[in-house]
Amino acid sequence: MSVKDVVVQRFKQLCAQRQIKINELANLSGVTPSTAYSMMDEGRRDISILTIKKFCDGLDITLGEFFSTPEFDGLEQEIR
């Protein structure tokens, strides 16, 4: 699984826990819904650290909390 896939999976998990949709997360975060959907689109996966930070702010969690999961810890190294 790629880093981008894990990021998307994590946001979907957090939205499900809070019972909100991706467009609601966008509104909470001050991000346009189109930005949120382009991140979720498997063909595009347009993800920036700034967008991740804004989503974390909207969810009232830190970047550390967001990335502190077994899925992120288990990612393979990108450099070979």
N, C-alpha and C. Protein backbone atom coordinates (compact mmCIF):
# COMPACT_ATOMS: atom_id res chain seq x y z
N MET A 1 0.85 -1.18 0.00
CA MET A 1 0.00 0.00 0.00
C MET A 1 0.90 1.24 0.00
N SER A 2 0.51 2.24 -0.78
CA SER A 2 1.33 3.46 -0.87
C SER A 2 1.04 4.41 0.29
N VAL A 3 1.92 5.36 0.48
CA VAL A 3 1.74 6.38 1.52
C VAL A 3 0.42 7.13 1.28
N LYS A 4 0.17 7.49 0.04
CA LYS A 4 -1.05 8.23 -0.28
C LYS A 4 -2.28 7.40 0.05
N ASP A 5 -2.24 6.10 -0.23
CA ASP A 5 -3.37 5.23 0.09
C ASP A 5 -3.62 5.18 1.60
N VAL A 6 -2.54 5.14 2.37
CA VAL A 6 -2.68 5.09 3.83
C VAL A 6 -3.24 6.41 4.36
N VAL A 7 -2.82 7.53 3.79
CA VAL A 7 -3.36 8.84 4.19
C VAL A 7 -4.86 8.88 3.96
N VAL A 8 -5.28 8.45 2.78
CA VAL A 8 -6.71 8.46 2.45
C VAL A 8 -7.47 7.52 3.36
N GLN A 9 -6.93 6.33 3.57
CA GLN A 9 -7.57 5.35 4.45
C GLN A 9 -7.74 5.92 5.86
N ARG A 10 -6.73 6.62 6.34
CA ARG A 10 -6.78 7.20 7.69
C ARG A 10 -7.87 8.26 7.80
N PHE A 11 -7.96 9.14 6.78
CA PHE A 11 -9.01 10.16 6.83
C PHE A 11 -10.40 9.52 6.74
N LYS A 12 -10.55 8.50 5.93
CA LYS A 12 -11.84 7.81 5.86
C LYS A 12 -12.20 7.19 7.20
N GLN A 13 -11.20 6.61 7.87
CA GLN A 13 -11.40 6.01 9.19
C GLN A 13 -11.84 7.07 10.20
N LEU A 14 -11.15 8.21 10.21
CA LEU A 14 -11.49 9.27 11.16
C LEU A 14 -12.87 9.86 10.88
N CYS A 15 -13.22 10.00 9.62
CA CYS A 15 -14.56 10.50 9.27
C CYS A 15 -15.62 9.51 9.71
N ALA A 16 -15.38 8.23 9.51
CA ALA A 16 -16.35 7.21 9.92
C ALA A 16 -16.54 7.23 11.44
N GLN A 17 -15.44 7.38 12.18
CA GLN A 17 -15.53 7.44 13.65
C GLN A 17 -16.36 8.62 14.11
N ARG A 18 -16.26 9.73 13.40
CA ARG A 18 -16.99 10.95 13.77
C ARG A 18 -18.34 11.08 13.06
N GLN A 19 -18.62 10.10 12.24
CA GLN A 19 -19.87 10.06 11.47
C GLN A 19 -20.06 11.33 10.65
N ILE A 20 -19.00 11.69 9.91
CA ILE A 20 -19.08 12.82 8.99
C ILE A 20 -18.62 12.35 7.62
N LYS A 21 -19.02 13.10 6.61
CA LYS A 21 -18.62 12.80 5.24
C LYS A 21 -17.41 13.66 4.87
N ILE A 22 -16.79 13.28 3.77
CA ILE A 22 -15.58 13.98 3.33
C ILE A 22 -15.85 15.46 3.07
N ASN A 23 -17.01 15.77 2.47
CA ASN A 23 -17.30 17.20 2.22
C ASN A 23 -17.52 17.95 3.53
N GLU A 24 -18.01 17.30 4.56
CA GLU A 24 -18.14 17.94 5.88
C GLU A 24 -16.75 18.20 6.48
N LEU A 25 -15.85 17.25 6.30
CA LEU A 25 -14.48 17.44 6.76
C LEU A 25 -13.86 18.64 6.05
N ALA A 26 -14.10 18.75 4.75
CA ALA A 26 -13.58 19.88 3.99
C ALA A 26 -14.09 21.19 4.57
N ASN A 27 -15.38 21.26 4.84
CA ASN A 27 -15.97 22.48 5.40
C ASN A 27 -15.40 22.80 6.78
N LEU A 28 -15.22 21.79 7.62
CA LEU A 28 -14.64 22.01 8.95
C LEU A 28 -13.20 22.51 8.86
N SER A 29 -12.53 22.14 7.77
CA SER A 29 -11.10 22.41 7.63
C SER A 29 -10.78 23.65 6.82
N GLY A 30 -11.79 24.27 6.23
CA GLY A 30 -11.54 25.44 5.40
C GLY A 30 -10.93 25.07 4.05
N VAL A 31 -11.20 23.85 3.61
CA VAL A 31 -10.70 23.34 2.34
C VAL A 31 -11.90 23.17 1.41
N THR A 32 -11.70 23.42 0.14
CA THR A 32 -12.82 23.24 -0.79
C THR A 32 -13.15 21.76 -0.92
N PRO A 33 -14.43 21.44 -1.08
CA PRO A 33 -14.81 20.04 -1.29
C PRO A 33 -14.08 19.42 -2.49
N SER A 34 -13.83 20.20 -3.53
CA SER A 34 -13.13 19.64 -4.70
C SER A 34 -11.71 19.21 -4.33
N THR A 35 -11.06 19.93 -3.44
CA THR A 35 -9.73 19.53 -2.97
C THR A 35 -9.82 18.21 -2.21
N ALA A 36 -10.82 18.09 -1.36
CA ALA A 36 -10.99 16.86 -0.59
C ALA A 36 -11.27 15.68 -1.52
N TYR A 37 -12.14 15.88 -2.49
CA TYR A 37 -12.47 14.78 -3.40
C TYR A 37 -11.32 14.42 -4.31
N SER A 38 -10.49 15.39 -4.70
CA SER A 38 -9.34 15.06 -5.54
C SER A 38 -8.33 14.24 -4.75
N MET A 39 -8.27 14.46 -3.44
CA MET A 39 -7.39 13.66 -2.61
C MET A 39 -7.91 12.23 -2.49
N MET A 40 -9.21 12.08 -2.42
CA MET A 40 -9.82 10.76 -2.24
C MET A 40 -9.88 9.96 -3.54
N ASP A 41 -9.81 10.64 -4.67
CA ASP A 41 -9.92 9.99 -5.98
C ASP A 41 -8.69 9.13 -6.24
N GLU A 42 -8.90 7.84 -6.40
CA GLU A 42 -7.80 6.90 -6.57
C GLU A 42 -6.93 7.23 -7.78
N GLY A 43 -7.53 7.80 -8.81
CA GLY A 43 -6.77 8.15 -10.00
C GLY A 43 -5.91 9.38 -9.85
N ARG A 44 -6.24 10.23 -8.88
CA ARG A 44 -5.51 11.50 -8.72
C ARG A 44 -4.65 11.51 -7.47
N ARG A 45 -5.26 11.29 -6.33
CA ARG A 45 -4.55 11.30 -5.04
C ARG A 45 -3.68 12.54 -4.89
N ASP A 46 -4.27 13.72 -5.16
CA ASP A 46 -3.55 14.98 -4.96
C ASP A 46 -3.50 15.29 -3.47
N ILE A 47 -2.37 15.02 -2.86
CA ILE A 47 -2.24 15.18 -1.41
C ILE A 47 -1.04 16.08 -1.11
N SER A 48 -1.27 17.09 -0.28
CA SER A 48 -0.17 17.92 0.19
C SER A 48 -0.16 17.91 1.71
N ILE A 49 0.98 18.17 2.28
CA ILE A 49 1.09 18.20 3.74
C ILE A 49 0.25 19.32 4.31
N LEU A 50 0.10 20.42 3.59
CA LEU A 50 -0.74 21.53 4.05
C LEU A 50 -2.20 21.09 4.15
N THR A 51 -2.68 20.35 3.16
CA THR A 51 -4.06 19.85 3.21
C THR A 51 -4.23 18.87 4.37
N ILE A 52 -3.26 18.00 4.56
CA ILE A 52 -3.32 17.06 5.68
C ILE A 52 -3.40 17.84 6.99
N LYS A 53 -2.59 18.88 7.13
CA LYS A 53 -2.60 19.70 8.36
C LYS A 53 -3.94 20.36 8.56
N LYS A 54 -4.52 20.91 7.50
CA LYS A 54 -5.83 21.57 7.61
C LYS A 54 -6.91 20.56 8.01
N PHE A 55 -6.87 19.37 7.42
CA PHE A 55 -7.84 18.33 7.81
C PHE A 55 -7.67 17.94 9.27
N CYS A 56 -6.42 17.82 9.71
CA CYS A 56 -6.17 17.50 11.11
C CYS A 56 -6.70 18.61 12.02
N ASP A 57 -6.50 19.86 11.62
CA ASP A 57 -7.05 20.98 12.39
C ASP A 57 -8.57 20.88 12.47
N GLY A 58 -9.21 20.56 11.33
CA GLY A 58 -10.66 20.42 11.31
C GLY A 58 -11.16 19.29 12.19
N LEU A 59 -10.34 18.25 12.33
CA LEU A 59 -10.69 17.12 13.19
C LEU A 59 -10.23 17.32 14.63
N ASP A 60 -9.52 18.43 14.88
CA ASP A 60 -8.99 18.75 16.19
C ASP A 60 -8.02 17.68 16.69
N ILE A 61 -7.12 17.25 15.77
CA ILE A 61 -6.06 16.33 16.15
C ILE A 61 -4.73 16.90 15.64
N THR A 62 -3.64 16.42 16.20
CA THR A 62 -2.32 16.87 15.77
C THR A 62 -1.85 16.00 14.60
N LEU A 63 -0.84 16.49 13.91
CA LEU A 63 -0.22 15.67 12.87
C LEU A 63 0.36 14.39 13.47
N GLY A 64 0.92 14.51 14.66
CA GLY A 64 1.46 13.34 15.35
C GLY A 64 0.39 12.28 15.59
N GLU A 65 -0.78 12.71 16.05
CA GLU A 65 -1.88 11.77 16.26
C GLU A 65 -2.32 11.13 14.94
N PHE A 66 -2.34 11.94 13.89
CA PHE A 66 -2.76 11.43 12.59
C PHE A 66 -1.82 10.33 12.11
N PHE A 67 -0.52 10.59 12.19
CA PHE A 67 0.46 9.66 11.64
C PHE A 67 0.85 8.53 12.58
N SER A 68 0.41 8.57 13.83
CA SER A 68 0.80 7.56 14.81
C SER A 68 -0.15 6.36 14.74
N THR A 69 0.04 5.55 13.70
CA THR A 69 -0.77 4.35 13.52
C THR A 69 0.12 3.21 13.04
N PRO A 70 -0.29 1.98 13.27
CA PRO A 70 0.49 0.84 12.77
C PRO A 70 0.62 0.85 11.24
N GLU A 71 -0.40 1.39 10.55
CA GLU A 71 -0.36 1.42 9.09
C GLU A 71 0.79 2.31 8.58
N PHE A 72 0.96 3.47 9.21
CA PHE A 72 2.08 4.33 8.82
C PHE A 72 3.41 3.73 9.25
N ASP A 73 3.44 3.17 10.45
CA ASP A 73 4.68 2.56 10.94
C ASP A 73 5.12 1.38 10.08
N GLY A 74 4.17 0.69 9.46
CA GLY A 74 4.48 -0.50 8.67
C GLY A 74 4.80 -0.25 7.21
N LEU A 75 4.78 1.00 6.79
CA LEU A 75 5.09 1.30 5.38
C LEU A 75 6.55 0.95 5.07
N GLU A 76 6.76 0.44 3.88
CA GLU A 76 8.12 0.12 3.45
C GLU A 76 8.87 1.39 3.10
N GLN A 77 10.18 1.34 3.18
CA GLN A 77 11.00 2.49 2.82
C GLN A 77 10.84 2.79 1.34
N GLU A 78 10.83 4.07 1.03
CA GLU A 78 10.70 4.51 -0.36
C GLU A 78 12.04 4.45 -1.10
N ILE A 79 13.13 4.56 -0.36
CA ILE A 79 14.47 4.56 -0.96
C ILE A 79 15.01 3.13 -0.91
N ARG A 80 15.45 2.69 -2.03
CA ARG A 80 15.99 1.32 -2.09
C ARG A 80 17.41 1.34 -2.54
